[in-house]
């Protein structure tokens, strides 16, 4: 929903209500994405499209057929995609680990674009071994395997194939929650892309 602050003495000047997509905008958005990033934009019929729309989901109930799939390599490419989708009023879905089984939550039909986090794969331990930076491409089993040689772990998911991003955004119950709280309580910082395309921490 669009929202605005309403002063005590006046009304909101901005329109409120659900944001509507413009008919056919997904075709324009896909064209812009493919012109700018042809190696990261996939269309139905390609092996990469099939991989992103079927094999990455925990449940086949979430399979869907977006107008195209965009797989950014970094925050700047994601920023470009979000800006493109915003300016063209295109519906989109975002998929990280793909554990949500409900169709339309991390998938979208041909009326929109799927943003896949498959290649946002930062995984790095800080010099003091106090924090780990994890991209949304990963599932918790990847994080645990990475930390094991350091004799470390994280307050993360109890099932290895659950995605990092979804669990953290949803709170996240961990085997360590009785001592350290929800997984989300242990996040030091998020890097995020706003609807304006601005990258913030």
N, C-alpha and C. Protein backbone atom coordinates (compact mmCIF):
# COMPACT_ATOMS: atom_id res chain seq x y z
N UNK A 1 0.82 -1.19 0.00
CA UNK A 1 0.00 0.00 0.00
C UNK A 1 0.86 1.24 0.00
N UNK A 2 0.38 2.29 -0.62
CA UNK A 2 1.04 3.58 -0.52
C UNK A 2 0.62 4.20 0.80
N UNK A 3 1.54 4.84 1.47
CA UNK A 3 1.20 5.42 2.77
C UNK A 3 1.77 6.82 2.86
N UNK A 4 1.20 7.61 3.74
CA UNK A 4 1.73 8.96 3.98
C UNK A 4 1.43 9.34 5.42
N UNK A 5 2.19 10.30 5.90
CA UNK A 5 1.94 10.82 7.24
C UNK A 5 0.85 11.87 7.13
N UNK A 6 -0.13 11.80 7.99
CA UNK A 6 -1.25 12.75 7.95
C UNK A 6 -1.12 13.69 9.14
N UNK A 7 -0.90 14.98 8.88
CA UNK A 7 -0.82 15.92 10.00
C UNK A 7 -2.18 16.04 10.70
N UNK A 8 -2.17 16.49 11.95
CA UNK A 8 -3.40 16.59 12.71
C UNK A 8 -4.42 17.53 12.07
N UNK A 9 -3.94 18.48 11.29
CA UNK A 9 -4.82 19.51 10.77
C UNK A 9 -5.18 19.33 9.30
N UNK A 10 -4.69 18.29 8.65
CA UNK A 10 -4.95 18.19 7.22
C UNK A 10 -5.08 16.76 6.75
N UNK A 11 -5.25 16.63 5.45
CA UNK A 11 -5.40 15.31 4.85
C UNK A 11 -4.15 14.97 4.06
N UNK A 12 -4.02 13.72 3.76
CA UNK A 12 -2.89 13.24 2.98
C UNK A 12 -3.05 13.63 1.52
N UNK A 13 -2.01 14.17 0.96
CA UNK A 13 -2.09 14.60 -0.44
C UNK A 13 -1.85 13.46 -1.41
N UNK A 14 -1.16 12.41 -0.93
CA UNK A 14 -0.86 11.29 -1.82
C UNK A 14 -2.05 10.36 -1.92
N UNK A 15 -2.15 9.70 -3.05
CA UNK A 15 -3.22 8.71 -3.22
C UNK A 15 -2.90 7.49 -2.37
N UNK A 16 -3.92 6.90 -1.82
CA UNK A 16 -3.72 5.69 -1.04
C UNK A 16 -4.48 4.56 -1.70
N UNK A 17 -4.07 3.35 -1.36
CA UNK A 17 -4.71 2.17 -1.92
C UNK A 17 -3.67 1.25 -2.53
N UNK A 18 -4.09 0.11 -3.01
CA UNK A 18 -3.14 -0.86 -3.54
C UNK A 18 -2.47 -0.34 -4.81
N UNK A 19 -1.21 -0.71 -4.96
CA UNK A 19 -0.47 -0.34 -6.16
C UNK A 19 -0.87 -1.31 -7.27
N UNK A 20 -1.26 -0.80 -8.41
CA UNK A 20 -1.69 -1.64 -9.52
C UNK A 20 -0.61 -1.69 -10.58
N UNK A 21 -0.46 -2.87 -11.18
CA UNK A 21 0.47 -3.01 -12.28
C UNK A 21 -0.20 -2.51 -13.56
N UNK A 22 0.61 -2.02 -14.46
CA UNK A 22 0.11 -1.59 -15.76
C UNK A 22 0.09 -2.80 -16.67
N UNK A 23 -1.00 -3.03 -17.38
CA UNK A 23 -1.12 -4.18 -18.27
C UNK A 23 0.02 -4.18 -19.29
N UNK A 24 0.71 -5.29 -19.38
CA UNK A 24 1.80 -5.42 -20.33
C UNK A 24 3.13 -4.88 -19.86
N UNK A 25 3.16 -4.31 -18.65
CA UNK A 25 4.40 -3.71 -18.15
C UNK A 25 5.50 -4.74 -17.95
N UNK A 26 5.12 -6.00 -17.67
CA UNK A 26 6.12 -7.03 -17.46
C UNK A 26 6.96 -7.26 -18.72
N UNK A 27 6.35 -7.08 -19.90
CA UNK A 27 7.09 -7.26 -21.16
C UNK A 27 8.13 -6.15 -21.33
N UNK A 28 7.74 -4.93 -20.96
CA UNK A 28 8.67 -3.80 -21.04
C UNK A 28 9.82 -4.00 -20.06
N UNK A 29 9.48 -4.40 -18.83
CA UNK A 29 10.51 -4.61 -17.81
C UNK A 29 11.48 -5.71 -18.23
N UNK A 30 10.95 -6.82 -18.73
CA UNK A 30 11.80 -7.93 -19.16
C UNK A 30 12.72 -7.50 -20.31
N UNK A 31 12.18 -6.71 -21.22
CA UNK A 31 12.98 -6.21 -22.35
C UNK A 31 14.12 -5.33 -21.84
N UNK A 32 13.82 -4.41 -20.93
CA UNK A 32 14.86 -3.54 -20.37
C UNK A 32 15.92 -4.34 -19.61
N UNK A 33 15.49 -5.31 -18.83
CA UNK A 33 16.43 -6.15 -18.09
C UNK A 33 17.32 -6.95 -19.03
N UNK A 34 16.71 -7.51 -20.08
CA UNK A 34 17.49 -8.35 -21.01
C UNK A 34 18.43 -7.52 -21.87
N UNK A 35 18.06 -6.28 -22.19
CA UNK A 35 18.95 -5.41 -22.96
C UNK A 35 20.17 -4.99 -22.14
N UNK A 36 19.94 -4.74 -20.86
CA UNK A 36 21.01 -4.27 -19.98
C UNK A 36 21.84 -5.41 -19.41
N UNK A 37 21.18 -6.51 -19.06
CA UNK A 37 21.86 -7.66 -18.44
C UNK A 37 21.41 -8.96 -19.12
N UNK A 38 21.80 -9.16 -20.38
CA UNK A 38 21.32 -10.34 -21.12
C UNK A 38 21.72 -11.68 -20.50
N UNK A 39 22.87 -11.72 -19.83
CA UNK A 39 23.34 -12.97 -19.24
C UNK A 39 22.65 -13.31 -17.93
N UNK A 40 21.83 -12.39 -17.41
CA UNK A 40 21.17 -12.60 -16.12
C UNK A 40 19.65 -12.55 -16.23
N UNK A 41 19.13 -12.48 -17.46
CA UNK A 41 17.68 -12.43 -17.68
C UNK A 41 17.29 -13.66 -18.48
N UNK A 42 16.37 -14.45 -17.93
CA UNK A 42 16.02 -15.74 -18.54
C UNK A 42 14.54 -15.78 -18.90
N UNK A 43 14.27 -16.38 -20.05
CA UNK A 43 12.90 -16.49 -20.55
C UNK A 43 12.49 -17.96 -20.66
N UNK A 44 11.18 -18.16 -20.66
CA UNK A 44 10.62 -19.51 -20.77
C UNK A 44 11.19 -20.22 -21.98
N UNK A 45 11.54 -21.48 -21.78
CA UNK A 45 12.13 -22.28 -22.84
C UNK A 45 13.61 -22.50 -22.66
N UNK A 46 14.25 -21.67 -21.83
CA UNK A 46 15.69 -21.84 -21.58
C UNK A 46 15.91 -22.74 -20.37
N UNK A 47 17.08 -23.38 -20.32
CA UNK A 47 17.42 -24.24 -19.19
C UNK A 47 17.52 -23.42 -17.90
N UNK A 48 18.07 -22.21 -17.98
CA UNK A 48 18.20 -21.37 -16.80
C UNK A 48 16.84 -20.97 -16.24
N UNK A 49 15.89 -20.70 -17.12
CA UNK A 49 14.53 -20.36 -16.69
C UNK A 49 13.92 -21.55 -15.94
N UNK A 50 14.06 -22.73 -16.51
CA UNK A 50 13.51 -23.93 -15.86
C UNK A 50 14.16 -24.17 -14.50
N UNK A 51 15.48 -23.99 -14.45
CA UNK A 51 16.20 -24.16 -13.19
C UNK A 51 15.67 -23.21 -12.12
N UNK A 52 15.49 -21.94 -12.48
CA UNK A 52 15.06 -20.93 -11.53
C UNK A 52 13.59 -21.04 -11.13
N UNK A 53 12.76 -21.56 -12.01
CA UNK A 53 11.31 -21.60 -11.72
C UNK A 53 10.83 -22.96 -11.20
N UNK A 54 11.68 -23.97 -11.25
CA UNK A 54 11.23 -25.29 -10.78
C UNK A 54 12.18 -25.95 -9.79
N UNK A 55 13.46 -26.03 -10.10
CA UNK A 55 14.34 -26.82 -9.24
C UNK A 55 14.71 -26.15 -7.93
N UNK A 56 14.54 -24.84 -7.80
CA UNK A 56 14.96 -24.13 -6.60
C UNK A 56 13.91 -24.07 -5.50
N UNK A 57 12.75 -24.63 -5.75
CA UNK A 57 11.67 -24.57 -4.76
C UNK A 57 11.59 -25.86 -3.96
N UNK A 58 11.28 -25.69 -2.68
CA UNK A 58 11.13 -26.84 -1.80
C UNK A 58 9.89 -27.65 -2.18
N UNK A 59 8.85 -26.99 -2.64
CA UNK A 59 7.60 -27.65 -2.98
C UNK A 59 7.17 -27.29 -4.40
N UNK A 60 6.70 -28.27 -5.14
CA UNK A 60 6.24 -28.02 -6.51
C UNK A 60 4.98 -27.17 -6.54
N UNK A 61 4.33 -26.98 -5.40
CA UNK A 61 3.14 -26.12 -5.37
C UNK A 61 3.50 -24.67 -5.68
N UNK A 62 4.78 -24.31 -5.52
CA UNK A 62 5.20 -22.92 -5.76
C UNK A 62 5.67 -22.70 -7.19
N UNK A 63 5.73 -23.75 -8.01
CA UNK A 63 6.17 -23.58 -9.40
C UNK A 63 5.25 -22.60 -10.10
N UNK A 64 5.83 -21.74 -10.92
CA UNK A 64 5.04 -20.76 -11.65
C UNK A 64 5.77 -20.36 -12.92
N UNK A 65 5.16 -19.54 -13.74
CA UNK A 65 5.74 -19.18 -15.03
C UNK A 65 5.80 -17.66 -15.19
N UNK A 66 6.81 -17.00 -14.59
CA UNK A 66 6.93 -15.55 -14.73
C UNK A 66 7.23 -15.14 -16.16
N UNK A 67 7.01 -13.88 -16.47
CA UNK A 67 7.32 -13.36 -17.81
C UNK A 67 8.80 -13.50 -18.09
N UNK A 68 9.63 -13.31 -17.07
CA UNK A 68 11.07 -13.56 -17.16
C UNK A 68 11.61 -13.70 -15.75
N UNK A 69 12.82 -14.19 -15.66
CA UNK A 69 13.51 -14.32 -14.37
C UNK A 69 14.77 -13.48 -14.46
N UNK A 70 14.98 -12.63 -13.46
CA UNK A 70 16.21 -11.85 -13.40
C UNK A 70 17.02 -12.32 -12.20
N UNK A 71 18.31 -12.63 -12.45
CA UNK A 71 19.19 -13.16 -11.41
C UNK A 71 20.38 -12.21 -11.25
N UNK A 72 20.27 -11.22 -10.39
CA UNK A 72 21.35 -10.25 -10.23
C UNK A 72 22.59 -10.88 -9.61
N UNK A 73 23.75 -10.29 -9.92
CA UNK A 73 25.03 -10.75 -9.39
C UNK A 73 25.49 -9.95 -8.18
N UNK A 74 24.88 -8.77 -7.99
CA UNK A 74 25.31 -7.89 -6.89
C UNK A 74 24.18 -6.91 -6.57
N UNK A 75 24.40 -6.11 -5.55
CA UNK A 75 23.38 -5.16 -5.10
C UNK A 75 23.08 -4.10 -6.16
N UNK A 76 24.08 -3.72 -6.93
CA UNK A 76 23.86 -2.71 -7.97
C UNK A 76 22.92 -3.22 -9.06
N UNK A 77 23.09 -4.47 -9.47
CA UNK A 77 22.19 -5.04 -10.47
C UNK A 77 20.78 -5.22 -9.90
N UNK A 78 20.69 -5.60 -8.63
CA UNK A 78 19.38 -5.70 -8.00
C UNK A 78 18.72 -4.34 -7.92
N UNK A 79 19.50 -3.33 -7.61
CA UNK A 79 18.99 -1.96 -7.56
C UNK A 79 18.42 -1.55 -8.93
N UNK A 80 19.15 -1.87 -10.00
CA UNK A 80 18.67 -1.55 -11.34
C UNK A 80 17.35 -2.26 -11.62
N UNK A 81 17.26 -3.54 -11.23
CA UNK A 81 16.03 -4.30 -11.45
C UNK A 81 14.86 -3.71 -10.69
N UNK A 82 15.07 -3.39 -9.42
CA UNK A 82 13.98 -2.82 -8.60
C UNK A 82 13.53 -1.49 -9.17
N UNK A 83 14.48 -0.66 -9.57
CA UNK A 83 14.13 0.63 -10.18
C UNK A 83 13.33 0.43 -11.46
N UNK A 84 13.76 -0.51 -12.28
CA UNK A 84 13.05 -0.82 -13.54
C UNK A 84 11.62 -1.27 -13.26
N UNK A 85 11.47 -2.17 -12.30
CA UNK A 85 10.14 -2.68 -11.96
C UNK A 85 9.25 -1.60 -11.36
N UNK A 86 9.84 -0.74 -10.56
CA UNK A 86 9.08 0.36 -9.95
C UNK A 86 8.62 1.36 -11.02
N UNK A 87 9.54 1.76 -11.88
CA UNK A 87 9.21 2.77 -12.89
C UNK A 87 8.22 2.25 -13.93
N UNK A 88 8.22 0.95 -14.19
CA UNK A 88 7.28 0.39 -15.17
C UNK A 88 6.01 -0.14 -14.50
N UNK A 89 5.90 0.02 -13.18
CA UNK A 89 4.75 -0.49 -12.41
C UNK A 89 4.49 -1.96 -12.69
N UNK A 90 5.57 -2.75 -12.60
CA UNK A 90 5.49 -4.18 -12.88
C UNK A 90 5.43 -4.98 -11.58
N UNK A 91 4.52 -5.94 -11.51
CA UNK A 91 4.45 -6.84 -10.37
C UNK A 91 5.69 -7.74 -10.38
N UNK A 92 6.15 -8.11 -9.18
CA UNK A 92 7.28 -9.03 -9.11
C UNK A 92 7.24 -9.84 -7.82
N UNK A 93 8.00 -10.91 -7.82
CA UNK A 93 8.18 -11.73 -6.63
C UNK A 93 9.67 -11.90 -6.42
N UNK A 94 10.06 -12.16 -5.18
CA UNK A 94 11.47 -12.37 -4.84
C UNK A 94 11.61 -13.76 -4.24
N UNK A 95 12.60 -14.51 -4.76
CA UNK A 95 12.84 -15.85 -4.21
C UNK A 95 14.28 -15.96 -3.74
N UNK A 96 14.43 -16.45 -2.53
CA UNK A 96 15.76 -16.75 -2.01
C UNK A 96 15.88 -18.26 -1.89
N UNK A 97 15.66 -18.80 -0.69
CA UNK A 97 15.79 -20.25 -0.52
C UNK A 97 14.67 -21.05 -1.15
N UNK A 98 13.52 -20.42 -1.36
CA UNK A 98 12.40 -21.13 -2.00
C UNK A 98 11.66 -22.09 -1.09
N UNK A 99 11.73 -21.88 0.21
CA UNK A 99 11.11 -22.83 1.15
C UNK A 99 9.62 -22.59 1.33
N UNK A 100 9.13 -21.39 1.06
CA UNK A 100 7.70 -21.10 1.20
C UNK A 100 6.92 -21.88 0.14
N UNK A 101 5.99 -22.77 0.55
CA UNK A 101 5.29 -23.60 -0.43
C UNK A 101 4.06 -22.96 -1.08
N UNK A 102 3.68 -21.77 -0.63
CA UNK A 102 2.46 -21.14 -1.14
C UNK A 102 2.75 -20.42 -2.45
N UNK A 103 2.04 -20.80 -3.51
CA UNK A 103 2.23 -20.19 -4.81
C UNK A 103 1.95 -18.69 -4.74
N UNK A 104 2.82 -17.90 -5.37
CA UNK A 104 2.63 -16.46 -5.40
C UNK A 104 3.36 -15.71 -4.31
N UNK A 105 3.88 -16.42 -3.31
CA UNK A 105 4.62 -15.73 -2.24
C UNK A 105 6.07 -15.51 -2.62
N UNK A 106 6.69 -16.51 -3.24
CA UNK A 106 8.06 -16.34 -3.74
C UNK A 106 8.13 -16.75 -5.21
N UNK A 107 6.98 -16.71 -5.85
CA UNK A 107 6.87 -17.00 -7.28
C UNK A 107 5.77 -16.11 -7.85
N UNK A 108 5.72 -16.01 -9.17
CA UNK A 108 4.72 -15.15 -9.80
C UNK A 108 4.40 -15.70 -11.18
N UNK A 109 3.21 -15.43 -11.66
CA UNK A 109 2.82 -15.94 -12.97
C UNK A 109 3.30 -15.01 -14.07
N UNK A 110 2.79 -15.20 -15.27
CA UNK A 110 3.26 -14.45 -16.44
C UNK A 110 2.95 -12.96 -16.38
N UNK A 111 2.21 -12.52 -15.37
CA UNK A 111 1.91 -11.10 -15.24
C UNK A 111 3.04 -10.33 -14.58
N UNK A 112 4.11 -11.03 -14.16
CA UNK A 112 5.17 -10.34 -13.44
C UNK A 112 6.54 -10.94 -13.68
N UNK A 113 7.51 -10.43 -12.93
CA UNK A 113 8.92 -10.81 -13.04
C UNK A 113 9.36 -11.48 -11.74
N UNK A 114 10.14 -12.53 -11.87
CA UNK A 114 10.73 -13.18 -10.70
C UNK A 114 12.15 -12.67 -10.51
N UNK A 115 12.45 -12.13 -9.32
CA UNK A 115 13.81 -11.77 -8.95
C UNK A 115 14.37 -12.92 -8.13
N UNK A 116 15.38 -13.58 -8.65
CA UNK A 116 15.99 -14.71 -7.96
C UNK A 116 17.29 -14.27 -7.31
N UNK A 117 17.47 -14.66 -6.07
CA UNK A 117 18.69 -14.33 -5.34
C UNK A 117 19.76 -15.41 -5.45
N UNK A 118 19.63 -16.30 -6.41
CA UNK A 118 20.54 -17.44 -6.54
C UNK A 118 22.01 -17.07 -6.58
N UNK A 119 22.34 -15.92 -7.16
CA UNK A 119 23.75 -15.56 -7.32
C UNK A 119 24.23 -14.47 -6.36
N UNK A 120 23.41 -14.11 -5.39
CA UNK A 120 23.85 -13.16 -4.36
C UNK A 120 24.48 -13.98 -3.24
N UNK A 121 25.71 -14.40 -3.48
CA UNK A 121 26.32 -15.47 -2.69
C UNK A 121 27.53 -15.06 -1.86
N UNK A 122 27.42 -13.94 -1.19
CA UNK A 122 28.47 -13.56 -0.24
C UNK A 122 28.46 -14.54 0.93
N UNK A 123 29.62 -15.02 1.32
CA UNK A 123 29.75 -15.85 2.51
C UNK A 123 31.15 -15.62 3.05
N UNK A 124 31.27 -14.80 4.10
CA UNK A 124 32.57 -14.39 4.60
C UNK A 124 32.54 -14.18 6.10
N UNK A 125 33.56 -14.67 6.75
CA UNK A 125 33.71 -14.52 8.19
C UNK A 125 34.57 -13.29 8.47
N UNK A 126 34.17 -12.50 9.47
CA UNK A 126 34.95 -11.30 9.82
C UNK A 126 36.32 -11.71 10.37
N UNK A 127 37.28 -10.78 10.36
CA UNK A 127 38.64 -11.07 10.82
C UNK A 127 38.66 -11.52 12.28
N UNK A 128 37.76 -10.95 13.09
CA UNK A 128 37.74 -11.34 14.51
C UNK A 128 36.85 -12.54 14.78
N UNK A 129 36.29 -13.12 13.72
CA UNK A 129 35.41 -14.30 13.81
C UNK A 129 34.16 -14.05 14.64
N UNK A 130 33.74 -12.79 14.74
CA UNK A 130 32.56 -12.45 15.54
C UNK A 130 31.28 -12.41 14.72
N UNK A 131 31.41 -12.12 13.42
CA UNK A 131 30.22 -12.05 12.56
C UNK A 131 30.49 -12.75 11.24
N UNK A 132 29.41 -13.18 10.61
CA UNK A 132 29.51 -13.79 9.29
C UNK A 132 28.56 -13.04 8.36
N UNK A 133 29.05 -12.70 7.17
CA UNK A 133 28.23 -12.05 6.15
C UNK A 133 27.68 -13.13 5.23
N UNK A 134 26.35 -13.13 5.07
CA UNK A 134 25.69 -14.20 4.31
C UNK A 134 24.75 -13.59 3.28
N UNK A 135 24.94 -13.96 2.03
CA UNK A 135 24.04 -13.51 0.97
C UNK A 135 22.75 -14.31 0.97
N UNK A 136 21.69 -13.77 0.38
CA UNK A 136 20.38 -14.45 0.38
C UNK A 136 20.31 -15.68 -0.52
N UNK A 137 21.40 -16.01 -1.21
CA UNK A 137 21.40 -17.22 -2.04
C UNK A 137 21.45 -18.48 -1.20
N UNK A 138 21.92 -18.37 0.03
CA UNK A 138 22.26 -19.55 0.81
C UNK A 138 21.11 -20.12 1.64
N UNK A 139 21.27 -21.40 1.90
CA UNK A 139 20.44 -22.11 2.87
C UNK A 139 21.30 -22.33 4.11
N UNK A 140 20.66 -22.65 5.22
CA UNK A 140 21.40 -22.74 6.49
C UNK A 140 22.46 -23.82 6.47
N UNK A 141 22.25 -24.91 5.75
CA UNK A 141 23.27 -25.97 5.70
C UNK A 141 24.58 -25.42 5.13
N UNK A 142 24.48 -24.49 4.18
CA UNK A 142 25.69 -23.89 3.60
C UNK A 142 26.45 -23.07 4.64
N UNK A 143 25.70 -22.33 5.44
CA UNK A 143 26.31 -21.49 6.47
C UNK A 143 26.99 -22.36 7.53
N UNK A 144 26.30 -23.40 7.96
CA UNK A 144 26.87 -24.28 8.99
C UNK A 144 28.13 -24.99 8.48
N UNK A 145 28.09 -25.45 7.23
CA UNK A 145 29.27 -26.11 6.64
C UNK A 145 30.44 -25.16 6.55
N UNK A 146 30.16 -23.91 6.20
CA UNK A 146 31.22 -22.91 6.09
C UNK A 146 31.85 -22.61 7.46
N UNK A 147 31.03 -22.54 8.50
CA UNK A 147 31.52 -22.17 9.83
C UNK A 147 32.15 -23.33 10.60
N UNK A 148 31.83 -24.57 10.23
CA UNK A 148 32.29 -25.74 10.98
C UNK A 148 33.81 -25.82 11.13
N UNK A 149 34.61 -25.57 10.10
CA UNK A 149 36.07 -25.65 10.28
C UNK A 149 36.61 -24.65 11.31
N UNK A 150 35.85 -23.59 11.58
CA UNK A 150 36.27 -22.59 12.57
C UNK A 150 35.73 -22.92 13.96
N UNK A 151 35.05 -24.06 14.08
CA UNK A 151 34.41 -24.46 15.33
C UNK A 151 33.38 -23.42 15.78
N UNK A 152 32.65 -22.87 14.79
CA UNK A 152 31.62 -21.86 15.04
C UNK A 152 30.30 -22.33 14.45
N UNK A 153 29.24 -21.68 14.90
CA UNK A 153 27.92 -21.89 14.30
C UNK A 153 27.18 -20.55 14.33
N UNK A 154 25.95 -20.57 13.87
CA UNK A 154 25.13 -19.36 13.86
C UNK A 154 23.77 -19.67 14.46
N UNK A 155 23.10 -18.64 14.94
CA UNK A 155 21.73 -18.80 15.42
C UNK A 155 20.85 -18.78 14.18
N UNK A 156 20.65 -19.96 13.61
CA UNK A 156 19.93 -20.07 12.34
C UNK A 156 18.91 -21.18 12.34
N UNK A 157 18.50 -21.59 11.17
CA UNK A 157 17.43 -22.56 11.01
C UNK A 157 17.74 -23.93 11.55
N UNK A 158 16.68 -24.62 11.97
CA UNK A 158 16.83 -25.97 12.51
C UNK A 158 16.83 -27.02 11.41
N UNK A 159 16.43 -26.63 10.21
CA UNK A 159 16.43 -27.54 9.06
C UNK A 159 17.36 -26.95 8.02
N UNK A 160 18.31 -27.75 7.54
CA UNK A 160 19.37 -27.26 6.68
C UNK A 160 18.93 -26.66 5.36
N UNK A 161 17.84 -27.15 4.77
CA UNK A 161 17.45 -26.64 3.45
C UNK A 161 16.59 -25.38 3.50
N UNK A 162 16.33 -24.87 4.69
CA UNK A 162 15.60 -23.60 4.82
C UNK A 162 16.52 -22.45 4.42
N UNK A 163 15.99 -21.50 3.67
CA UNK A 163 16.78 -20.36 3.21
C UNK A 163 17.10 -19.39 4.33
N UNK A 164 18.27 -18.77 4.23
CA UNK A 164 18.72 -17.82 5.24
C UNK A 164 17.81 -16.60 5.30
N UNK A 165 17.54 -15.99 4.16
CA UNK A 165 16.78 -14.72 4.14
C UNK A 165 15.37 -14.87 4.70
N UNK A 166 14.65 -15.87 4.26
CA UNK A 166 13.27 -16.06 4.71
C UNK A 166 13.17 -16.31 6.19
N UNK A 167 14.07 -17.15 6.71
CA UNK A 167 14.05 -17.45 8.15
C UNK A 167 14.32 -16.19 8.96
N UNK A 168 15.31 -15.40 8.55
CA UNK A 168 15.64 -14.18 9.31
C UNK A 168 14.53 -13.15 9.23
N UNK A 169 13.92 -13.00 8.06
CA UNK A 169 12.84 -12.02 7.92
C UNK A 169 11.58 -12.45 8.68
N UNK A 170 11.46 -13.74 8.92
CA UNK A 170 10.30 -14.25 9.64
C UNK A 170 10.53 -14.42 11.13
N UNK A 171 11.67 -14.03 11.63
CA UNK A 171 11.98 -14.17 13.05
C UNK A 171 13.02 -15.24 13.25
N UNK A 172 12.64 -16.51 13.01
CA UNK A 172 13.59 -17.59 13.01
C UNK A 172 13.82 -18.27 14.33
N UNK A 173 13.23 -19.46 14.50
CA UNK A 173 13.48 -20.27 15.70
C UNK A 173 14.69 -21.14 15.42
N UNK A 174 15.62 -21.16 16.37
CA UNK A 174 16.87 -21.89 16.25
C UNK A 174 17.01 -22.87 17.41
N UNK A 175 17.92 -23.83 17.26
CA UNK A 175 18.25 -24.70 18.39
C UNK A 175 18.92 -23.90 19.51
N UNK A 176 19.40 -22.72 19.19
CA UNK A 176 20.08 -21.87 20.17
C UNK A 176 19.18 -20.74 20.69
N UNK A 177 17.90 -20.76 20.32
CA UNK A 177 17.01 -19.65 20.67
C UNK A 177 16.78 -19.49 22.17
N UNK A 178 16.82 -20.58 22.93
CA UNK A 178 16.61 -20.45 24.38
C UNK A 178 17.71 -19.62 25.03
N UNK A 179 18.90 -19.61 24.40
CA UNK A 179 20.02 -18.84 24.95
C UNK A 179 20.21 -17.49 24.26
N UNK A 180 19.94 -17.45 22.93
CA UNK A 180 20.27 -16.24 22.16
C UNK A 180 19.06 -15.57 21.51
N UNK A 181 17.87 -16.08 21.70
CA UNK A 181 16.68 -15.47 21.11
C UNK A 181 16.46 -15.93 19.67
N UNK A 182 15.56 -15.25 18.98
CA UNK A 182 15.30 -15.58 17.58
C UNK A 182 16.54 -15.32 16.74
N UNK A 183 16.60 -15.97 15.60
CA UNK A 183 17.71 -15.75 14.68
C UNK A 183 17.80 -14.27 14.29
N UNK A 184 16.65 -13.65 14.07
CA UNK A 184 16.61 -12.24 13.69
C UNK A 184 17.19 -11.33 14.77
N UNK A 185 17.14 -11.75 16.02
CA UNK A 185 17.70 -10.95 17.11
C UNK A 185 19.22 -10.85 17.03
N UNK A 186 19.83 -11.73 16.25
CA UNK A 186 21.28 -11.79 16.17
C UNK A 186 21.85 -11.17 14.90
N UNK A 187 21.00 -10.53 14.11
CA UNK A 187 21.46 -9.86 12.90
C UNK A 187 22.11 -8.54 13.28
N UNK A 188 23.32 -8.32 12.78
CA UNK A 188 24.05 -7.08 13.06
C UNK A 188 23.59 -5.99 12.09
N UNK A 189 23.40 -6.34 10.81
CA UNK A 189 22.99 -5.36 9.81
C UNK A 189 22.44 -6.07 8.58
N UNK A 190 21.54 -5.41 7.89
CA UNK A 190 21.04 -5.87 6.59
C UNK A 190 21.50 -4.88 5.53
N UNK A 191 21.88 -5.38 4.36
CA UNK A 191 22.02 -4.52 3.19
C UNK A 191 20.74 -4.73 2.40
N UNK A 192 20.07 -3.63 2.07
CA UNK A 192 18.77 -3.74 1.41
C UNK A 192 18.66 -2.75 0.27
N UNK A 193 17.81 -3.10 -0.70
CA UNK A 193 17.51 -2.21 -1.82
C UNK A 193 16.09 -1.68 -1.62
N UNK A 194 15.95 -0.37 -1.54
CA UNK A 194 14.64 0.25 -1.38
C UNK A 194 13.93 0.32 -2.72
N UNK A 195 12.64 0.63 -2.72
CA UNK A 195 11.87 0.71 -3.96
C UNK A 195 12.39 1.81 -4.87
N UNK A 196 13.09 2.78 -4.31
CA UNK A 196 13.69 3.85 -5.11
C UNK A 196 14.95 3.38 -5.83
N UNK A 197 15.45 2.20 -5.44
CA UNK A 197 16.70 1.70 -5.99
C UNK A 197 17.89 2.01 -5.10
N UNK A 198 17.68 2.80 -4.06
CA UNK A 198 18.75 3.16 -3.15
C UNK A 198 19.20 1.93 -2.36
N UNK A 199 20.51 1.73 -2.28
CA UNK A 199 21.07 0.62 -1.49
C UNK A 199 21.44 1.16 -0.12
N UNK A 200 20.87 0.57 0.91
CA UNK A 200 21.09 1.06 2.27
C UNK A 200 21.54 -0.08 3.18
N UNK A 201 22.18 0.26 4.28
CA UNK A 201 22.56 -0.69 5.32
C UNK A 201 21.81 -0.33 6.57
